[in-house]
């Protein structure tokens, strides 16, 4: 009896990618399980999939198609990516307190306008 092992893949992208990605994957011959979709604090959406460990990430992306990846600006990760406002500050970033305040202000404006 063969046991199947699963790789976890997280996809982030613009709103409404979930249905189009699932349609493409259902048309493929890949073995996968869809997880969930959630909106991140930065306004992007993050979905979870489990892939048969024999499936290469490249094949997964090909099944979704470059057109959909580009349309929704999809990114693929093996671990959850922190939202920009939740990312830990880099140690020794060499920015002054004023520069860090400006960066924080810029990030806040960017997330409001997204």
C-alpha atoms as a PDB file:
ATOM      1  CA  UNK A   1       0.000   0.000   0.000  1.00  0.00           C
ATOM      2  CA  UNK A   2       1.453   3.359  -1.052  1.00  0.00           C
ATOM      3  CA  UNK A   3       0.948   6.294   1.261  1.00  0.00           C
ATOM      4  CA  UNK A   4       0.716   9.724  -0.257  1.00  0.00           C
ATOM      5  CA  UNK A   5       2.693  12.569   1.218  1.00  0.00           C
ATOM      6  CA  UNK A   6       1.647  16.155   0.719  1.00  0.00           C
ATOM      7  CA  UNK A   7       3.537  19.406   0.188  1.00  0.00           C
ATOM      8  CA  UNK A   8       1.914  22.596   1.397  1.00  0.00           C
ATOM      9  CA  UNK A   9       1.856  25.476  -1.090  1.00  0.00           C
ATOM     10  CA  UNK A  10       0.652  28.980  -0.298  1.00  0.00           C
ATOM     11  CA  UNK A  11      -0.421  31.292  -3.101  1.00  0.00           C
ATOM     12  CA  UNK A  12      -0.774  35.032  -2.648  1.00  0.00           C
ATOM     13  CA  UNK A  13      -2.325  37.354  -5.174  1.00  0.00           C
ATOM     14  CA  UNK A  14      -4.985  39.862  -6.024  1.00  0.00           C
ATOM     15  CA  UNK A  15      -8.659  39.407  -5.210  1.00  0.00           C
ATOM     16  CA  UNK A  16     -10.757  36.710  -6.924  1.00  0.00           C
ATOM     17  CA  UNK A  17      -7.923  34.408  -8.004  1.00  0.00           C
ATOM     18  CA  UNK A  18      -9.297  31.403  -6.090  1.00  0.00           C
ATOM     19  CA  UNK A  19     -12.075  30.378  -8.500  1.00  0.00           C
ATOM     20  CA  UNK A  20      -9.958  30.721 -11.646  1.00  0.00           C
ATOM     21  CA  UNK A  21      -7.056  28.797 -10.104  1.00  0.00           C
ATOM     22  CA  UNK A  22      -9.358  26.003  -8.931  1.00  0.00           C
ATOM     23  CA  UNK A  23     -10.993  25.713 -12.371  1.00  0.00           C
ATOM     24  CA  UNK A  24      -7.594  25.320 -14.027  1.00  0.00           C
ATOM     25  CA  UNK A  25      -6.404  22.790 -11.462  1.00  0.00           C
ATOM     26  CA  UNK A  26      -9.576  20.711 -11.785  1.00  0.00           C
ATOM     27  CA  UNK A  27      -8.954  20.512 -15.550  1.00  0.00           C
ATOM     28  CA  UNK A  28      -5.454  19.209 -14.928  1.00  0.00           C
ATOM     29  CA  UNK A  29      -4.372  15.709 -13.990  1.00  0.00           C
ATOM     30  CA  UNK A  30      -2.604  16.873 -10.827  1.00  0.00           C
ATOM     31  CA  UNK A  31      -3.346  15.378  -7.440  1.00  0.00           C
ATOM     32  CA  UNK A  32      -4.080  18.250  -5.064  1.00  0.00           C
ATOM     33  CA  UNK A  33      -6.348  19.321  -2.238  1.00  0.00           C
ATOM     34  CA  UNK A  34      -7.572  22.895  -1.989  1.00  0.00           C
ATOM     35  CA  UNK A  35      -7.385  24.400   1.461  1.00  0.00           C
ATOM     36  CA  UNK A  36      -8.747  27.822   2.261  1.00  0.00           C
ATOM     37  CA  UNK A  37      -8.596  31.419   1.094  1.00  0.00           C
ATOM     38  CA  UNK A  38      -8.150  34.392   3.396  1.00  0.00           C
ATOM     39  CA  UNK A  39      -7.548  38.102   3.046  1.00  0.00           C
ATOM     40  CA  UNK A  40      -4.307  39.332   4.573  1.00  0.00           C
ATOM     41  CA  UNK A  41      -3.934  42.630   6.447  1.00  0.00           C
ATOM     42  CA  UNK A  42      -2.108  44.100   3.417  1.00  0.00           C
ATOM     43  CA  UNK A  43      -5.211  43.552   1.248  1.00  0.00           C
ATOM     44  CA  UNK A  44      -3.803  40.643  -0.749  1.00  0.00           C
ATOM     45  CA  UNK A  45      -5.366  37.218  -0.667  1.00  0.00           C
ATOM     46  CA  UNK A  46      -3.660  34.014   0.381  1.00  0.00           C
ATOM     47  CA  UNK A  47      -4.743  30.514  -0.547  1.00  0.00           C
ATOM     48  CA  UNK A  48      -3.541  27.147   0.653  1.00  0.00           C
ATOM     49  CA  UNK A  49      -3.119  23.976  -1.402  1.00  0.00           C
ATOM     50  CA  UNK A  50      -1.673  20.576  -0.694  1.00  0.00           C
ATOM     51  CA  UNK A  51       0.109  18.887  -3.582  1.00  0.00           C
ATOM     52  CA  UNK A  52       1.086  15.275  -3.957  1.00  0.00           C
ATOM     53  CA  UNK A  53       4.798  15.303  -3.119  1.00  0.00           C
ATOM     54  CA  UNK A  54       5.529  13.776  -6.541  1.00  0.00           C
ATOM     55  CA  UNK A  55       4.184  16.968  -8.177  1.00  0.00           C
ATOM     56  CA  UNK A  56       6.795  19.567  -9.033  1.00  0.00           C
ATOM     57  CA  UNK A  57       5.979  23.207  -8.363  1.00  0.00           C
ATOM     58  CA  UNK A  58       6.682  23.957 -12.023  1.00  0.00           C
ATOM     59  CA  UNK A  59       3.930  21.513 -13.108  1.00  0.00           C
ATOM     60  CA  UNK A  60       1.556  23.110 -10.603  1.00  0.00           C
ATOM     61  CA  UNK A  61       2.257  26.555 -12.068  1.00  0.00           C
ATOM     62  CA  UNK A  62       1.901  25.251 -15.634  1.00  0.00           C
ATOM     63  CA  UNK A  63      -1.504  23.776 -14.751  1.00  0.00           C
ATOM     64  CA  UNK A  64      -2.628  27.168 -13.414  1.00  0.00           C
ATOM     65  CA  UNK A  65      -1.213  28.902 -16.525  1.00  0.00           C
ATOM     66  CA  UNK A  66       0.996  31.917 -16.961  1.00  0.00           C
ATOM     67  CA  UNK A  67      -2.011  34.003 -17.992  1.00  0.00           C
ATOM     68  CA  UNK A  68      -3.737  33.520 -14.623  1.00  0.00           C
ATOM     69  CA  UNK A  69      -0.486  33.870 -12.680  1.00  0.00           C
ATOM     70  CA  UNK A  70       0.148  37.209 -14.372  1.00  0.00           C
ATOM     71  CA  UNK A  71      -3.497  38.385 -14.214  1.00  0.00           C
ATOM     72  CA  UNK A  72      -3.707  37.963 -10.445  1.00  0.00           C
ATOM     73  CA  UNK A  73      -0.004  38.602  -9.729  1.00  0.00           C
ATOM     74  CA  UNK A  74       0.300  35.232  -8.024  1.00  0.00           C
ATOM     75  CA  UNK A  75       3.284  34.284  -5.889  1.00  0.00           C
ATOM     76  CA  UNK A  76       4.002  30.791  -4.577  1.00  0.00           C
ATOM     77  CA  UNK A  77       5.542  29.894  -1.210  1.00  0.00           C
ATOM     78  CA  UNK A  78       6.281  26.801   0.879  1.00  0.00           C
ATOM     79  CA  UNK A  79       5.708  28.757   4.092  1.00  0.00           C
ATOM     80  CA  UNK A  80       3.307  31.540   5.001  1.00  0.00           C
ATOM     81  CA  UNK A  81       4.720  34.879   3.957  1.00  0.00           C
ATOM     82  CA  UNK A  82       4.152  37.599   6.546  1.00  0.00           C
ATOM     83  CA  UNK A  83       2.230  40.631   5.341  1.00  0.00           C
ATOM     84  CA  UNK A  84       4.483  43.694   4.936  1.00  0.00           C
ATOM     85  CA  UNK A  85       3.062  45.334   8.057  1.00  0.00           C
ATOM     86  CA  UNK A  86       3.719  42.139  10.025  1.00  0.00           C
ATOM     87  CA  UNK A  87       7.232  41.473   8.722  1.00  0.00           C
ATOM     88  CA  UNK A  88       9.910  41.688  11.378  1.00  0.00           C
ATOM     89  CA  UNK A  89      12.181  44.676  11.013  1.00  0.00           C
ATOM     90  CA  UNK A  90      15.590  43.783   9.650  1.00  0.00           C
ATOM     91  CA  UNK A  91      18.333  43.975  12.221  1.00  0.00           C
ATOM     92  CA  UNK A  92      20.990  46.487  11.402  1.00  0.00           C
ATOM     93  CA  UNK A  93      19.027  48.032   8.525  1.00  0.00           C
ATOM     94  CA  UNK A  94      21.075  51.213   9.001  1.00  0.00           C
ATOM     95  CA  UNK A  95      18.054  53.507   8.660  1.00  0.00           C
ATOM     96  CA  UNK A  96      17.666  56.445  10.983  1.00  0.00           C
ATOM     97  CA  UNK A  97      14.588  56.759  13.196  1.00  0.00           C
ATOM     98  CA  UNK A  98      13.243  59.412  10.797  1.00  0.00           C
ATOM     99  CA  UNK A  99      13.789  57.123   7.781  1.00  0.00           C
ATOM    100  CA  UNK A 100      12.058  54.223   9.568  1.00  0.00           C
ATOM    101  CA  UNK A 101       9.103  56.504  10.372  1.00  0.00           C
ATOM    102  CA  UNK A 102       8.877  57.529   6.707  1.00  0.00           C
ATOM    103  CA  UNK A 103       8.994  53.883   5.592  1.00  0.00           C
ATOM    104  CA  UNK A 104       6.225  52.995   8.050  1.00  0.00           C
ATOM    105  CA  UNK A 105       4.127  55.938   6.797  1.00  0.00           C
ATOM    106  CA  UNK A 106       4.694  54.912   3.174  1.00  0.00           C
ATOM    107  CA  UNK A 107       3.646  51.317   3.903  1.00  0.00           C
ATOM    108  CA  UNK A 108       0.492  52.519   5.644  1.00  0.00           C
ATOM    109  CA  UNK A 109      -0.440  54.732   2.674  1.00  0.00           C
ATOM    110  CA  UNK A 110       0.301  51.911   0.235  1.00  0.00           C
ATOM    111  CA  UNK A 111      -1.977  49.474   2.076  1.00  0.00           C
ATOM    112  CA  UNK A 112      -4.828  52.017   2.152  1.00  0.00           C
ATOM    113  CA  UNK A 113      -4.551  52.731  -1.578  1.00  0.00           C
ATOM    114  CA  UNK A 114      -4.226  49.070  -2.614  1.00  0.00           C
END
